[in-house]
Amino acid sequence: MFAQWTTSEWIAAVAALGTVAGVAVIFVQLRHLSRQIKLQSFSDYTKRYQEIILNLPDDIHAREFTLKDRRDYEKIMRYMRAYFDLSYEEWFLEGQRLIDPRFWQVWRIGIRTAMSKPAFQQSWEIIKTDSRFGTPFENFIDAIAHDLSSNDDAALRGSRV
């Protein structure tokens, strides 16, 4: 069969194979580029989070943390606002299906961990009174806080038994 091909048929076959190979290379490159863009986006959000956390006081994670009457109140609130803005962006991107679900899982766990701390709970109560993120996001954060307090209550009840 191949022995009977004319020169033009061979040229057409080679051109077709070249085209298929070219499409395959482009597909692999686009996939690689997509992964790089996702990684860069994740890295950018991680850097923003790190900057926020590094600018909060050392006792920010303390169970006995009290925001009221602190000398560094304004600085803490500035970075807490940045934290909740960042959380809102992450939540919004997930809602639009613009991020990898695994990234959202990491960020959601991080938000939950932050909201388990009194400093973040106290800050959120203040921020949500003077800022508008929209009801869905506010409900999302409030639900996390409520769930955490319910779990704490259940744990306390369980420890008394």
N, C-alpha and C. Protein backbone atom coordinates (compact mmCIF):
# COMPACT_ATOMS: atom_id res chain seq x y z
N MET A 1 0.82 -1.19 0.00
CA MET A 1 0.00 0.00 0.00
C MET A 1 0.88 1.27 0.00
N PHE A 2 1.84 1.36 0.98
CA PHE A 2 2.69 2.54 1.04
C PHE A 2 3.62 2.64 -0.17
N ALA A 3 3.99 1.49 -0.71
CA ALA A 3 4.91 1.48 -1.85
C ALA A 3 4.28 2.12 -3.09
N GLN A 4 2.96 2.15 -3.15
CA GLN A 4 2.28 2.71 -4.31
C GLN A 4 1.97 4.20 -4.17
N TRP A 5 2.37 4.79 -3.04
CA TRP A 5 2.07 6.20 -2.83
C TRP A 5 2.94 7.06 -3.74
N THR A 6 2.37 8.15 -4.15
CA THR A 6 3.13 9.12 -4.95
C THR A 6 3.89 10.04 -4.01
N THR A 7 4.77 10.81 -4.58
CA THR A 7 5.55 11.75 -3.78
C THR A 7 4.63 12.74 -3.04
N SER A 8 3.61 13.21 -3.71
CA SER A 8 2.70 14.17 -3.08
C SER A 8 1.92 13.52 -1.93
N GLU A 9 1.60 12.22 -2.05
CA GLU A 9 0.91 11.53 -0.95
C GLU A 9 1.85 11.36 0.25
N TRP A 10 3.13 11.07 -0.01
CA TRP A 10 4.11 10.99 1.07
C TRP A 10 4.28 12.35 1.76
N ILE A 11 4.34 13.38 0.97
CA ILE A 11 4.50 14.73 1.54
C ILE A 11 3.27 15.07 2.39
N ALA A 12 2.09 14.74 1.90
CA ALA A 12 0.86 15.00 2.66
C ALA A 12 0.84 14.21 3.96
N ALA A 13 1.29 12.94 3.92
CA ALA A 13 1.33 12.10 5.12
C ALA A 13 2.31 12.66 6.15
N VAL A 14 3.49 13.05 5.69
CA VAL A 14 4.49 13.63 6.59
C VAL A 14 3.98 14.95 7.17
N ALA A 15 3.34 15.75 6.35
CA ALA A 15 2.78 17.03 6.84
C ALA A 15 1.70 16.77 7.89
N ALA A 16 0.87 15.76 7.65
CA ALA A 16 -0.19 15.42 8.62
C ALA A 16 0.42 14.96 9.94
N LEU A 17 1.44 14.11 9.86
CA LEU A 17 2.12 13.67 11.09
C LEU A 17 2.77 14.84 11.81
N GLY A 18 3.37 15.73 11.05
CA GLY A 18 3.98 16.93 11.64
C GLY A 18 2.95 17.79 12.34
N THR A 19 1.79 17.92 11.72
CA THR A 19 0.71 18.71 12.32
C THR A 19 0.24 18.08 13.62
N VAL A 20 0.04 16.76 13.60
CA VAL A 20 -0.40 16.05 14.81
C VAL A 20 0.65 16.21 15.91
N ALA A 21 1.92 16.06 15.56
CA ALA A 21 2.98 16.23 16.55
C ALA A 21 3.01 17.66 17.09
N GLY A 22 2.82 18.62 16.21
CA GLY A 22 2.79 20.03 16.64
C GLY A 22 1.64 20.30 17.59
N VAL A 23 0.47 19.77 17.29
CA VAL A 23 -0.69 19.94 18.18
C VAL A 23 -0.42 19.29 19.53
N ALA A 24 0.20 18.12 19.51
CA ALA A 24 0.53 17.43 20.77
C ALA A 24 1.50 18.26 21.60
N VAL A 25 2.51 18.83 20.97
CA VAL A 25 3.48 19.67 21.68
C VAL A 25 2.78 20.90 22.27
N ILE A 26 1.92 21.53 21.51
CA ILE A 26 1.19 22.71 22.00
C ILE A 26 0.31 22.32 23.18
N PHE A 27 -0.36 21.19 23.09
CA PHE A 27 -1.22 20.73 24.18
C PHE A 27 -0.40 20.53 25.46
N VAL A 28 0.76 19.88 25.35
CA VAL A 28 1.62 19.65 26.51
C VAL A 28 2.11 20.99 27.08
N GLN A 29 2.49 21.92 26.20
CA GLN A 29 2.97 23.22 26.66
C GLN A 29 1.86 24.00 27.35
N LEU A 30 0.66 23.97 26.80
CA LEU A 30 -0.46 24.68 27.43
C LEU A 30 -0.79 24.09 28.80
N ARG A 31 -0.74 22.78 28.90
CA ARG A 31 -1.00 22.13 30.18
C ARG A 31 0.06 22.54 31.20
N HIS A 32 1.32 22.55 30.77
CA HIS A 32 2.41 22.96 31.65
C HIS A 32 2.24 24.43 32.07
N LEU A 33 1.90 25.29 31.12
CA LEU A 33 1.68 26.70 31.42
C LEU A 33 0.53 26.89 32.40
N SER A 34 -0.53 26.14 32.21
CA SER A 34 -1.68 26.21 33.11
C SER A 34 -1.27 25.84 34.53
N ARG A 35 -0.48 24.81 34.67
CA ARG A 35 -0.01 24.41 36.00
C ARG A 35 0.87 25.49 36.62
N GLN A 36 1.73 26.10 35.80
CA GLN A 36 2.60 27.17 36.29
C GLN A 36 1.78 28.37 36.77
N ILE A 37 0.75 28.72 36.02
CA ILE A 37 -0.10 29.85 36.39
C ILE A 37 -0.82 29.56 37.70
N LYS A 38 -1.34 28.34 37.85
CA LYS A 38 -2.01 27.96 39.10
C LYS A 38 -1.04 28.04 40.27
N LEU A 39 0.15 27.52 40.09
CA LEU A 39 1.15 27.54 41.14
C LEU A 39 1.54 28.98 41.49
N GLN A 40 1.69 29.83 40.50
CA GLN A 40 2.04 31.23 40.74
C GLN A 40 0.92 31.93 41.52
N SER A 41 -0.30 31.66 41.14
CA SER A 41 -1.44 32.25 41.84
C SER A 41 -1.47 31.81 43.30
N PHE A 42 -1.29 30.52 43.53
CA PHE A 42 -1.27 29.99 44.90
C PHE A 42 -0.14 30.64 45.69
N SER A 43 1.02 30.76 45.04
CA SER A 43 2.18 31.37 45.69
C SER A 43 1.93 32.83 46.05
N ASP A 44 1.28 33.56 45.17
CA ASP A 44 0.96 34.97 45.44
C ASP A 44 0.05 35.11 46.65
N TYR A 45 -0.97 34.27 46.73
CA TYR A 45 -1.87 34.31 47.88
C TYR A 45 -1.16 33.90 49.16
N THR A 46 -0.26 32.94 49.06
CA THR A 46 0.51 32.51 50.23
C THR A 46 1.41 33.63 50.73
N LYS A 47 2.03 34.37 49.80
CA LYS A 47 2.88 35.49 50.19
C LYS A 47 2.07 36.58 50.87
N ARG A 48 0.90 36.87 50.34
CA ARG A 48 0.04 37.88 50.96
C ARG A 48 -0.35 37.45 52.38
N TYR A 49 -0.71 36.19 52.54
CA TYR A 49 -1.07 35.67 53.86
C TYR A 49 0.11 35.78 54.82
N GLN A 50 1.28 35.39 54.35
CA GLN A 50 2.47 35.44 55.19
C GLN A 50 2.77 36.87 55.64
N GLU A 51 2.63 37.84 54.73
CA GLU A 51 2.87 39.24 55.08
C GLU A 51 1.91 39.69 56.18
N ILE A 52 0.66 39.29 56.06
CA ILE A 52 -0.33 39.65 57.08
C ILE A 52 0.06 39.06 58.42
N ILE A 53 0.32 37.78 58.46
CA ILE A 53 0.63 37.09 59.72
C ILE A 53 1.91 37.64 60.35
N LEU A 54 2.91 37.94 59.54
CA LEU A 54 4.15 38.48 60.08
C LEU A 54 3.98 39.86 60.70
N ASN A 55 2.94 40.57 60.33
CA ASN A 55 2.70 41.91 60.87
C ASN A 55 1.73 41.92 62.05
N LEU A 56 1.27 40.77 62.45
CA LEU A 56 0.41 40.67 63.63
C LEU A 56 1.30 40.39 64.84
N PRO A 57 0.83 40.74 66.03
CA PRO A 57 1.67 40.56 67.23
C PRO A 57 1.92 39.07 67.53
N ASP A 58 2.96 38.83 68.30
CA ASP A 58 3.34 37.46 68.63
C ASP A 58 2.25 36.69 69.38
N ASP A 59 1.46 37.40 70.15
CA ASP A 59 0.42 36.71 70.95
C ASP A 59 -0.91 36.56 70.22
N ILE A 60 -0.92 36.76 68.91
CA ILE A 60 -2.16 36.71 68.12
C ILE A 60 -2.86 35.36 68.22
N HIS A 61 -2.11 34.30 68.46
CA HIS A 61 -2.70 32.96 68.53
C HIS A 61 -3.04 32.52 69.95
N ALA A 62 -2.79 33.40 70.92
CA ALA A 62 -3.02 33.04 72.32
C ALA A 62 -4.52 32.91 72.62
N ARG A 63 -4.87 31.91 73.39
CA ARG A 63 -6.27 31.70 73.80
C ARG A 63 -6.78 32.86 74.64
N GLU A 64 -5.89 33.52 75.38
CA GLU A 64 -6.30 34.62 76.26
C GLU A 64 -6.21 35.99 75.57
N PHE A 65 -6.00 36.00 74.26
CA PHE A 65 -5.88 37.25 73.51
C PHE A 65 -7.14 38.10 73.67
N THR A 66 -6.92 39.38 73.96
CA THR A 66 -8.01 40.34 74.03
C THR A 66 -7.63 41.56 73.20
N LEU A 67 -8.45 41.86 72.23
CA LEU A 67 -8.19 42.96 71.30
C LEU A 67 -8.45 44.32 71.94
N LYS A 68 -9.49 44.38 72.72
CA LYS A 68 -9.92 45.66 73.32
C LYS A 68 -8.80 46.28 74.15
N ASP A 69 -8.63 47.60 74.00
CA ASP A 69 -7.69 48.41 74.78
C ASP A 69 -6.21 48.09 74.54
N ARG A 70 -5.89 47.46 73.46
CA ARG A 70 -4.48 47.21 73.14
C ARG A 70 -3.88 48.47 72.53
N ARG A 71 -2.61 48.71 72.81
CA ARG A 71 -1.94 49.87 72.21
C ARG A 71 -1.74 49.69 70.71
N ASP A 72 -1.65 48.44 70.26
CA ASP A 72 -1.45 48.16 68.84
C ASP A 72 -2.77 47.80 68.13
N TYR A 73 -3.87 48.25 68.69
CA TYR A 73 -5.20 47.95 68.16
C TYR A 73 -5.33 48.32 66.67
N GLU A 74 -4.93 49.53 66.32
CA GLU A 74 -5.09 50.00 64.94
C GLU A 74 -4.28 49.15 63.95
N LYS A 75 -3.06 48.83 64.32
CA LYS A 75 -2.22 47.99 63.45
C LYS A 75 -2.84 46.60 63.30
N ILE A 76 -3.28 46.02 64.40
CA ILE A 76 -3.90 44.70 64.34
C ILE A 76 -5.12 44.74 63.44
N MET A 77 -5.95 45.74 63.60
CA MET A 77 -7.17 45.82 62.80
C MET A 77 -6.85 46.04 61.32
N ARG A 78 -5.82 46.80 61.01
CA ARG A 78 -5.43 47.01 59.62
C ARG A 78 -5.08 45.67 58.97
N TYR A 79 -4.32 44.85 59.67
CA TYR A 79 -3.93 43.55 59.11
C TYR A 79 -5.06 42.53 59.18
N MET A 80 -5.92 42.64 60.15
CA MET A 80 -7.09 41.75 60.20
C MET A 80 -8.02 42.07 59.02
N ARG A 81 -8.18 43.35 58.71
CA ARG A 81 -8.99 43.71 57.54
C ARG A 81 -8.36 43.12 56.27
N ALA A 82 -7.04 43.21 56.17
CA ALA A 82 -6.34 42.63 55.02
C ALA A 82 -6.56 41.11 54.99
N TYR A 83 -6.55 40.48 56.16
CA TYR A 83 -6.78 39.03 56.22
C TYR A 83 -8.18 38.68 55.73
N PHE A 84 -9.19 39.38 56.19
CA PHE A 84 -10.55 39.06 55.77
C PHE A 84 -10.79 39.44 54.30
N ASP A 85 -10.12 40.48 53.82
CA ASP A 85 -10.19 40.79 52.38
C ASP A 85 -9.60 39.64 51.57
N LEU A 86 -8.46 39.13 51.99
CA LEU A 86 -7.81 37.99 51.33
C LEU A 86 -8.73 36.77 51.37
N SER A 87 -9.32 36.51 52.52
CA SER A 87 -10.24 35.37 52.65
C SER A 87 -11.44 35.53 51.73
N TYR A 88 -11.93 36.77 51.63
CA TYR A 88 -13.07 37.02 50.72
C TYR A 88 -12.66 36.71 49.28
N GLU A 89 -11.48 37.17 48.86
CA GLU A 89 -11.02 36.90 47.49
C GLU A 89 -10.93 35.40 47.22
N GLU A 90 -10.37 34.67 48.18
CA GLU A 90 -10.25 33.22 48.02
C GLU A 90 -11.63 32.57 47.90
N TRP A 91 -12.54 32.99 48.78
CA TRP A 91 -13.91 32.47 48.77
C TRP A 91 -14.59 32.79 47.43
N PHE A 92 -14.41 34.01 46.96
CA PHE A 92 -15.02 34.43 45.70
C PHE A 92 -14.47 33.60 44.52
N LEU A 93 -13.14 33.45 44.48
CA LEU A 93 -12.53 32.66 43.40
C LEU A 93 -13.06 31.23 43.39
N GLU A 94 -13.23 30.67 44.57
CA GLU A 94 -13.77 29.31 44.65
C GLU A 94 -15.21 29.28 44.15
N GLY A 95 -16.00 30.27 44.52
CA GLY A 95 -17.38 30.34 44.08
C GLY A 95 -17.53 30.48 42.57
N GLN A 96 -16.54 31.09 41.94
CA GLN A 96 -16.54 31.25 40.49
C GLN A 96 -15.86 30.08 39.79
N ARG A 97 -15.39 29.12 40.56
CA ARG A 97 -14.67 27.95 40.04
C ARG A 97 -13.42 28.36 39.26
N LEU A 98 -12.72 29.36 39.79
CA LEU A 98 -11.52 29.88 39.13
C LEU A 98 -10.22 29.37 39.74
N ILE A 99 -10.35 28.55 40.79
CA ILE A 99 -9.15 27.99 41.41
C ILE A 99 -9.29 26.48 41.52
N ASP A 100 -8.17 25.85 41.67
CA ASP A 100 -8.13 24.40 41.86
C ASP A 100 -8.84 24.07 43.18
N PRO A 101 -9.72 23.09 43.19
CA PRO A 101 -10.43 22.73 44.43
C PRO A 101 -9.49 22.36 45.57
N ARG A 102 -8.31 21.84 45.25
CA ARG A 102 -7.35 21.51 46.31
C ARG A 102 -6.81 22.77 46.97
N PHE A 103 -6.66 23.85 46.20
CA PHE A 103 -6.23 25.12 46.78
C PHE A 103 -7.30 25.62 47.75
N TRP A 104 -8.55 25.56 47.32
CA TRP A 104 -9.63 26.02 48.17
C TRP A 104 -9.68 25.19 49.46
N GLN A 105 -9.45 23.92 49.37
CA GLN A 105 -9.47 23.08 50.56
C GLN A 105 -8.42 23.56 51.57
N VAL A 106 -7.23 23.87 51.09
CA VAL A 106 -6.16 24.38 51.96
C VAL A 106 -6.58 25.72 52.56
N TRP A 107 -7.09 26.62 51.72
CA TRP A 107 -7.48 27.95 52.20
C TRP A 107 -8.65 27.86 53.18
N ARG A 108 -9.62 27.00 52.88
CA ARG A 108 -10.79 26.86 53.77
C ARG A 108 -10.36 26.35 55.14
N ILE A 109 -9.47 25.39 55.17
CA ILE A 109 -8.96 24.88 56.44
C ILE A 109 -8.21 25.99 57.17
N GLY A 110 -7.44 26.79 56.43
CA GLY A 110 -6.74 27.91 57.04
C GLY A 110 -7.69 28.94 57.64
N ILE A 111 -8.76 29.24 56.94
CA ILE A 111 -9.76 30.18 57.46
C ILE A 111 -10.38 29.62 58.72
N ARG A 112 -10.71 28.35 58.68
CA ARG A 112 -11.30 27.69 59.86
C ARG A 112 -10.32 27.73 61.04
N THR A 113 -9.06 27.47 60.78
CA THR A 113 -8.05 27.51 61.85
C THR A 113 -7.94 28.92 62.42
N ALA A 114 -7.90 29.92 61.54
CA ALA A 114 -7.82 31.31 62.01
C ALA A 114 -9.03 31.66 62.87
N MET A 115 -10.22 31.26 62.40
CA MET A 115 -11.44 31.60 63.14
C MET A 115 -11.57 30.84 64.46
N SER A 116 -10.72 29.87 64.69
CA SER A 116 -10.73 29.18 65.98
C SER A 116 -9.99 29.99 67.04
N LYS A 117 -9.36 31.06 66.63
CA LYS A 117 -8.57 31.88 67.55
C LYS A 117 -9.34 33.12 67.98
N PRO A 118 -9.30 33.45 69.27
CA PRO A 118 -10.04 34.61 69.77
C PRO A 118 -9.72 35.92 69.04
N ALA A 119 -8.47 36.14 68.66
CA ALA A 119 -8.10 37.39 67.98
C ALA A 119 -8.87 37.54 66.68
N PHE A 120 -9.01 36.49 65.91
CA PHE A 120 -9.73 36.55 64.64
C PHE A 120 -11.24 36.66 64.87
N GLN A 121 -11.75 35.96 65.88
CA GLN A 121 -13.17 36.06 66.21
C GLN A 121 -13.54 37.48 66.63
N GLN A 122 -12.72 38.05 67.51
CA GLN A 122 -12.99 39.41 67.98
C GLN A 122 -12.88 40.42 66.85
N SER A 123 -11.88 40.27 66.01
CA SER A 123 -11.70 41.18 64.88
C SER A 123 -12.86 41.08 63.90
N TRP A 124 -13.31 39.86 63.62
CA TRP A 124 -14.41 39.67 62.69
C TRP A 124 -15.68 40.35 63.20
N GLU A 125 -15.94 40.25 64.48
CA GLU A 125 -17.14 40.89 65.05
C GLU A 125 -17.10 42.41 64.83
N ILE A 126 -15.94 43.00 64.89
CA ILE A 126 -15.80 44.43 64.65
C ILE A 126 -15.88 44.74 63.16
N ILE A 127 -15.13 44.00 62.36
CA ILE A 127 -15.05 44.26 60.92
C ILE A 127 -16.40 44.11 60.25
N LYS A 128 -17.17 43.11 60.61
CA LYS A 128 -18.44 42.89 59.92
C LYS A 128 -19.48 43.96 60.25
N THR A 129 -19.22 44.77 61.29
CA THR A 129 -20.16 45.86 61.58
C THR A 129 -19.88 47.11 60.75
N ASP A 130 -18.64 47.25 60.26
CA ASP A 130 -18.33 48.47 59.51
C ASP A 130 -17.84 48.21 58.08
N SER A 131 -17.89 46.95 57.66
CA SER A 131 -17.49 46.61 56.30
C SER A 131 -18.56 45.71 55.69
N ARG A 132 -18.68 45.77 54.38
CA ARG A 132 -19.66 44.93 53.71
C ARG A 132 -18.94 44.01 52.73
N PHE A 133 -19.02 42.73 53.00
CA PHE A 133 -18.47 41.72 52.10
C PHE A 133 -19.59 41.05 51.32
N GLY A 134 -20.80 41.30 51.74
CA GLY A 134 -21.95 40.63 51.14
C GLY A 134 -22.41 39.50 52.06
N THR A 135 -23.70 39.31 52.08
CA THR A 135 -24.29 38.33 52.98
C THR A 135 -23.74 36.92 52.81
N PRO A 136 -23.56 36.42 51.58
CA PRO A 136 -23.06 35.04 51.47
C PRO A 136 -21.70 34.82 52.15
N PHE A 137 -20.76 35.73 51.94
CA PHE A 137 -19.45 35.57 52.58
C PHE A 137 -19.56 35.76 54.09
N GLU A 138 -20.30 36.75 54.51
CA GLU A 138 -20.47 36.98 55.94
C GLU A 138 -21.10 35.76 56.61
N ASN A 139 -22.07 35.16 55.95
CA ASN A 139 -22.68 33.93 56.48
C ASN A 139 -21.68 32.79 56.53
N PHE A 140 -20.81 32.72 55.52
CA PHE A 140 -19.78 31.69 55.48
C PHE A 140 -18.87 31.79 56.71
N ILE A 141 -18.38 33.00 56.99
CA ILE A 141 -17.49 33.20 58.15
C ILE A 141 -18.26 32.97 59.45
N ASP A 142 -19.47 33.51 59.53
CA ASP A 142 -20.27 33.32 60.74
C ASP A 142 -20.57 31.85 60.99
N ALA A 143 -20.83 31.10 59.93
CA ALA A 143 -21.10 29.67 60.07
C ALA A 143 -19.88 28.93 60.61
N ILE A 144 -18.71 29.31 60.15
CA ILE A 144 -17.48 28.69 60.67
C ILE A 144 -17.35 29.01 62.15
N ALA A 145 -17.53 30.28 62.50
CA ALA A 145 -17.41 30.67 63.91
C ALA A 145 -18.45 29.94 64.76
N HIS A 146 -19.67 29.86 64.26
CA HIS A 146 -20.74 29.18 65.00
C HIS A 146 -20.41 27.69 65.15
N ASP A 147 -19.96 27.07 64.07
CA ASP A 147 -19.61 25.65 64.11
C ASP A 147 -18.50 25.40 65.12
N LEU A 148 -17.50 26.28 65.13
CA LEU A 148 -16.39 26.12 66.07
C LEU A 148 -16.86 26.27 67.49
N SER A 149 -17.73 27.26 67.75
CA SER A 149 -18.22 27.46 69.12
C SER A 149 -19.12 26.30 69.54
N SER A 150 -19.89 25.75 68.61
CA SER A 150 -20.72 24.57 68.91
C SER A 150 -19.85 23.38 69.25
N ASN A 151 -18.77 23.21 68.49
CA ASN A 151 -17.85 22.10 68.77
C ASN A 151 -17.16 22.29 70.12
N ASP A 152 -16.80 23.55 70.45
CA ASP A 152 -16.19 23.84 71.75
C ASP A 152 -17.18 23.52 72.86
N ASP A 153 -18.44 23.94 72.68
CA ASP A 153 -19.48 23.66 73.68
C ASP A 153 -19.65 22.17 73.87
N ALA A 154 -19.69 21.43 72.77
CA ALA A 154 -19.86 19.97 72.84
C ALA A 154 -18.65 19.33 73.54
N ALA A 155 -17.48 19.83 73.25
CA ALA A 155 -16.28 19.30 73.89
C ALA A 155 -16.30 19.56 75.39
N LEU A 156 -16.76 20.77 75.76
CA LEU A 156 -16.86 21.09 77.18
C LEU A 156 -17.89 20.20 77.88
N ARG A 157 -19.04 20.00 77.22
CA ARG A 157 -20.07 19.13 77.80
C ARG A 157 -19.52 17.71 77.94
N GLY A 158 -18.80 17.26 76.93
CA GLY A 158 -18.24 15.91 76.96
C GLY A 158 -17.20 15.75 78.06
N SER A 159 -16.47 16.81 78.35
CA SER A 159 -15.42 16.69 79.38
C SER A 159 -16.02 16.68 80.79
N ARG A 160 -17.24 17.14 80.94
CA ARG A 160 -17.88 17.16 82.26
C ARG A 160 -18.55 15.84 82.59
N VAL A 161 -18.75 15.01 81.60
CA VAL A 161 -19.48 13.76 81.83
C VAL A 161 -18.62 12.78 82.59
